C-alpha atoms as a PDB file:
ATOM      1  CA  MET A   1      -9.903  -5.357 -17.032  1.00  0.00           C
ATOM      2  CA  PHE A   2      -8.274  -2.105 -15.973  1.00  0.00           C
ATOM      3  CA  LYS A   3      -9.016   1.328 -17.401  1.00  0.00           C
ATOM      4  CA  ASN A   4      -5.962   3.540 -17.711  1.00  0.00           C
ATOM      5  CA  ILE A   5      -6.727   6.881 -16.058  1.00  0.00           C
ATOM      6  CA  ASP A   6      -3.320   8.161 -17.143  1.00  0.00           C
ATOM      7  CA  LEU A   7      -2.059   9.324 -13.760  1.00  0.00           C
ATOM      8  CA  GLY A   8       1.656   9.218 -13.222  1.00  0.00           C
ATOM      9  CA  GLY A   9       4.012  10.706 -10.711  1.00  0.00           C
ATOM     10  CA  ILE A  10       5.620  10.052  -7.386  1.00  0.00           C
ATOM     11  CA  LEU A  11       3.806   7.545  -5.178  1.00  0.00           C
ATOM     12  CA  VAL A  12       4.344   8.052  -1.465  1.00  0.00           C
ATOM     13  CA  PHE A  13       3.286   5.835   1.420  1.00  0.00           C
ATOM     14  CA  CYS A  14       2.507   8.247   4.284  1.00  0.00           C
ATOM     15  CA  VAL A  15       2.466   7.100   7.898  1.00  0.00           C
ATOM     16  CA  ASP A  16       0.765   9.735  10.059  1.00  0.00           C
ATOM     17  CA  ARG A  17       1.253   8.607  13.637  1.00  0.00           C
ATOM     18  CA  ARG A  18      -0.378  11.709  15.083  1.00  0.00           C
ATOM     19  CA  ARG A  19      -3.687  11.053  13.288  1.00  0.00           C
ATOM     20  CA  LYS A  20      -3.165   7.255  13.393  1.00  0.00           C
ATOM     21  CA  THR A  21      -3.784   6.866   9.680  1.00  0.00           C
ATOM     22  CA  ASN A  22      -1.784   5.825   6.630  1.00  0.00           C
ATOM     23  CA  GLN A  23      -2.329   6.800   2.999  1.00  0.00           C
ATOM     24  CA  PHE A  24      -1.082   6.281  -0.514  1.00  0.00           C
ATOM     25  CA  ARG A  25      -0.488   9.709  -2.058  1.00  0.00           C
ATOM     26  CA  LEU A  26       0.295  10.324  -5.710  1.00  0.00           C
ATOM     27  CA  PHE A  27       1.993  13.638  -6.534  1.00  0.00           C
ATOM     28  CA  ASP A  28       2.549  15.191  -9.961  1.00  0.00           C
ATOM     29  CA  ILE A  29       6.259  14.963 -10.728  1.00  0.00           C
ATOM     30  CA  ASN A  30       6.378  18.442 -12.319  1.00  0.00           C
ATOM     31  CA  ASP A  31       4.478  20.714  -9.938  1.00  0.00           C
ATOM     32  CA  PHE A  32       4.053  18.421  -6.891  1.00  0.00           C
ATOM     33  CA  ARG A  33       0.231  18.723  -6.897  1.00  0.00           C
ATOM     34  CA  LEU A  34      -1.584  15.993  -5.001  1.00  0.00           C
ATOM     35  CA  LEU A  35      -3.310  13.907  -7.694  1.00  0.00           C
ATOM     36  CA  MET A  36      -4.751  11.116  -5.579  1.00  0.00           C
ATOM     37  CA  GLU A  37      -4.981  10.039  -1.967  1.00  0.00           C
ATOM     38  CA  VAL A  38      -6.205   6.650  -0.737  1.00  0.00           C
ATOM     39  CA  GLU A  39      -6.398   5.725   2.935  1.00  0.00           C
ATOM     40  CA  VAL A  40      -4.966   2.351   3.876  1.00  0.00           C
ATOM     41  CA  TYR A  41      -7.790   0.282   5.302  1.00  0.00           C
ATOM     42  CA  VAL A  42      -7.854  -2.501   7.906  1.00  0.00           C
ATOM     43  CA  ASP A  43      -6.453  -5.752   6.508  1.00  0.00           C
ATOM     44  CA  MET A  44      -5.554  -4.186   3.141  1.00  0.00           C
ATOM     45  CA  HIS A  45      -2.449  -6.385   3.142  1.00  0.00           C
ATOM     46  CA  LEU A  46      -4.750  -9.375   2.571  1.00  0.00           C
ATOM     47  CA  TYR A  47      -6.015  -7.883  -0.705  1.00  0.00           C
ATOM     48  CA  TYR A  48      -2.884  -6.095  -2.015  1.00  0.00           C
ATOM     49  CA  ARG A  49      -1.885  -8.471  -4.842  1.00  0.00           C
ATOM     50  CA  ALA A  50       0.731  -8.675  -7.571  1.00  0.00           C
ATOM     51  CA  LEU A  51      -0.605  -9.312 -11.060  1.00  0.00           C
ATOM     52  CA  ARG A  52       2.921  -8.909 -12.453  1.00  0.00           C
ATOM     53  CA  PRO A  53       6.207  -8.353 -10.619  1.00  0.00           C
ATOM     54  CA  ASN A  54       5.868  -4.575 -11.049  1.00  0.00           C
ATOM     55  CA  PHE A  55       2.038  -4.252 -11.042  1.00  0.00           C
ATOM     56  CA  TYR A  56      -0.044  -4.459  -7.870  1.00  0.00           C
ATOM     57  CA  CYS A  57      -3.737  -3.920  -7.252  1.00  0.00           C
ATOM     58  CA  PHE A  58      -6.214  -3.724  -4.389  1.00  0.00           C
ATOM     59  CA  PRO A  59      -9.972  -3.224  -4.103  1.00  0.00           C
ATOM     60  CA  LEU A  60     -11.640   0.038  -3.123  1.00  0.00           C
ATOM     61  CA  PRO A  61     -15.384   0.553  -2.563  1.00  0.00           C
ATOM     62  CA  ASN A  62     -16.273   1.194  -6.231  1.00  0.00           C
ATOM     63  CA  MET A  63     -13.212   0.022  -8.123  1.00  0.00           C
ATOM     64  CA  VAL A  64      -9.975  -1.876  -8.111  1.00  0.00           C
ATOM     65  CA  LEU A  65      -6.908   0.359  -8.130  1.00  0.00           C
ATOM     66  CA  GLY A  66      -3.803  -0.835  -9.970  1.00  0.00           C
ATOM     67  CA  ILE A  67      -0.319   0.583  -9.473  1.00  0.00           C
ATOM     68  CA  GLU A  68       2.448   0.001 -11.982  1.00  0.00           C
ATOM     69  CA  PHE A  69       5.962   0.531 -10.660  1.00  0.00           C
ATOM     70  CA  SER A  70       8.903   1.337 -12.925  1.00  0.00           C
ATOM     71  CA  ALA A  71      11.112  -1.201 -11.139  1.00  0.00           C
ATOM     72  CA  GLU A  72      10.340  -4.566  -9.570  1.00  0.00           C
ATOM     73  CA  GLU A  73      12.463  -3.684  -6.512  1.00  0.00           C
ATOM     74  CA  ASP A  74      10.301  -0.600  -5.860  1.00  0.00           C
ATOM     75  CA  ALA A  75       7.162  -2.738  -6.078  1.00  0.00           C
ATOM     76  CA  LYS A  76       8.546  -5.233  -3.555  1.00  0.00           C
ATOM     77  CA  PHE A  77       9.590  -2.459  -1.161  1.00  0.00           C
ATOM     78  CA  PHE A  78       6.147  -0.841  -1.383  1.00  0.00           C
ATOM     79  CA  ARG A  79       4.577  -4.235  -0.685  1.00  0.00           C
ATOM     80  CA  LEU A  80       6.660  -4.471   2.490  1.00  0.00           C
ATOM     81  CA  LEU A  81       5.414  -1.037   3.567  1.00  0.00           C
ATOM     82  CA  VAL A  82       1.805  -2.067   3.006  1.00  0.00           C
ATOM     83  CA  PHE A  83       2.317  -5.206   5.061  1.00  0.00           C
ATOM     84  CA  LYS A  84       4.149  -3.424   7.876  1.00  0.00           C
ATOM     85  CA  TYR A  85       1.890  -0.382   8.267  1.00  0.00           C
ATOM     86  CA  CYS A  86      -1.526  -1.735   7.304  1.00  0.00           C
ATOM     87  CA  PRO A  87      -3.868  -1.850  10.313  1.00  0.00           C
ATOM     88  CA  LYS A  88      -4.534  -5.468  11.258  1.00  0.00           C
ATOM     89  CA  PHE A  89      -7.685  -6.754  12.916  1.00  0.00           C
ATOM     90  CA  LEU A  90      -8.029 -10.024  14.799  1.00  0.00           C
ATOM     91  CA  GLY A  91     -11.498 -10.498  16.199  1.00  0.00           C
ATOM     92  CA  GLU A  92     -12.011  -7.983  18.977  1.00  0.00           C
ATOM     93  CA  GLU A  93      -8.406  -6.825  19.390  1.00  0.00           C
ATOM     94  CA  GLN A  94      -5.757  -5.171  17.263  1.00  0.00           C
ATOM     95  CA  ILE A  95      -2.380  -6.844  16.725  1.00  0.00           C
ATOM     96  CA  SER A  96       0.316  -5.444  19.024  1.00  0.00           C
ATOM     97  CA  ASP A  97       3.393  -3.678  17.653  1.00  0.00           C
ATOM     98  CA  THR A  98       5.566  -6.630  18.736  1.00  0.00           C
ATOM     99  CA  GLN A  99       3.375  -9.089  16.853  1.00  0.00           C
ATOM    100  CA  MET A 100       3.378  -6.816  13.806  1.00  0.00           C
ATOM    101  CA  GLU A 101       7.191  -6.604  13.782  1.00  0.00           C
ATOM    102  CA  HIS A 102       7.423 -10.402  14.092  1.00  0.00           C
ATOM    103  CA  ASN A 103       4.969 -10.844  11.190  1.00  0.00           C
ATOM    104  CA  PHE A 104       6.890  -8.279   9.124  1.00  0.00           C
ATOM    105  CA  GLU A 105      10.189 -10.132   9.629  1.00  0.00           C
ATOM    106  CA  ASN A 106       8.599 -13.438   8.607  1.00  0.00           C
ATOM    107  CA  PHE A 107       7.034 -11.775   5.564  1.00  0.00           C
ATOM    108  CA  LYS A 108      10.431 -10.431   4.425  1.00  0.00           C
ATOM    109  CA  LYS A 109      11.874 -13.968   4.587  1.00  0.00           C
ATOM    110  CA  ASP A 110       9.205 -15.171   2.132  1.00  0.00           C
ATOM    111  CA  LEU A 111      10.225 -12.706  -0.597  1.00  0.00           C
END
């Protein structure tokens, strides 16, 4: 069961190549204050799940965060971003950029 914390605004998926980190950032739509920031963790794409076509969730250390999108197309696009930019881990080595692009293309075909 989810508890509504009544946060709404503009959700941004930030790719920071300089710091080699990615985050979800939620900004207030009226004054652009940062309301929430969550770092994308290794293999998050394995846990980022749709409960409804416009509602996705994923686990964090002490909770499960749910995101409701206003449009199903936005939810699907955000899912693609999570899959493409989420750090992947395979045993002792990270997936190469070429492998990631190949996986991303195959993932898009499955939508």
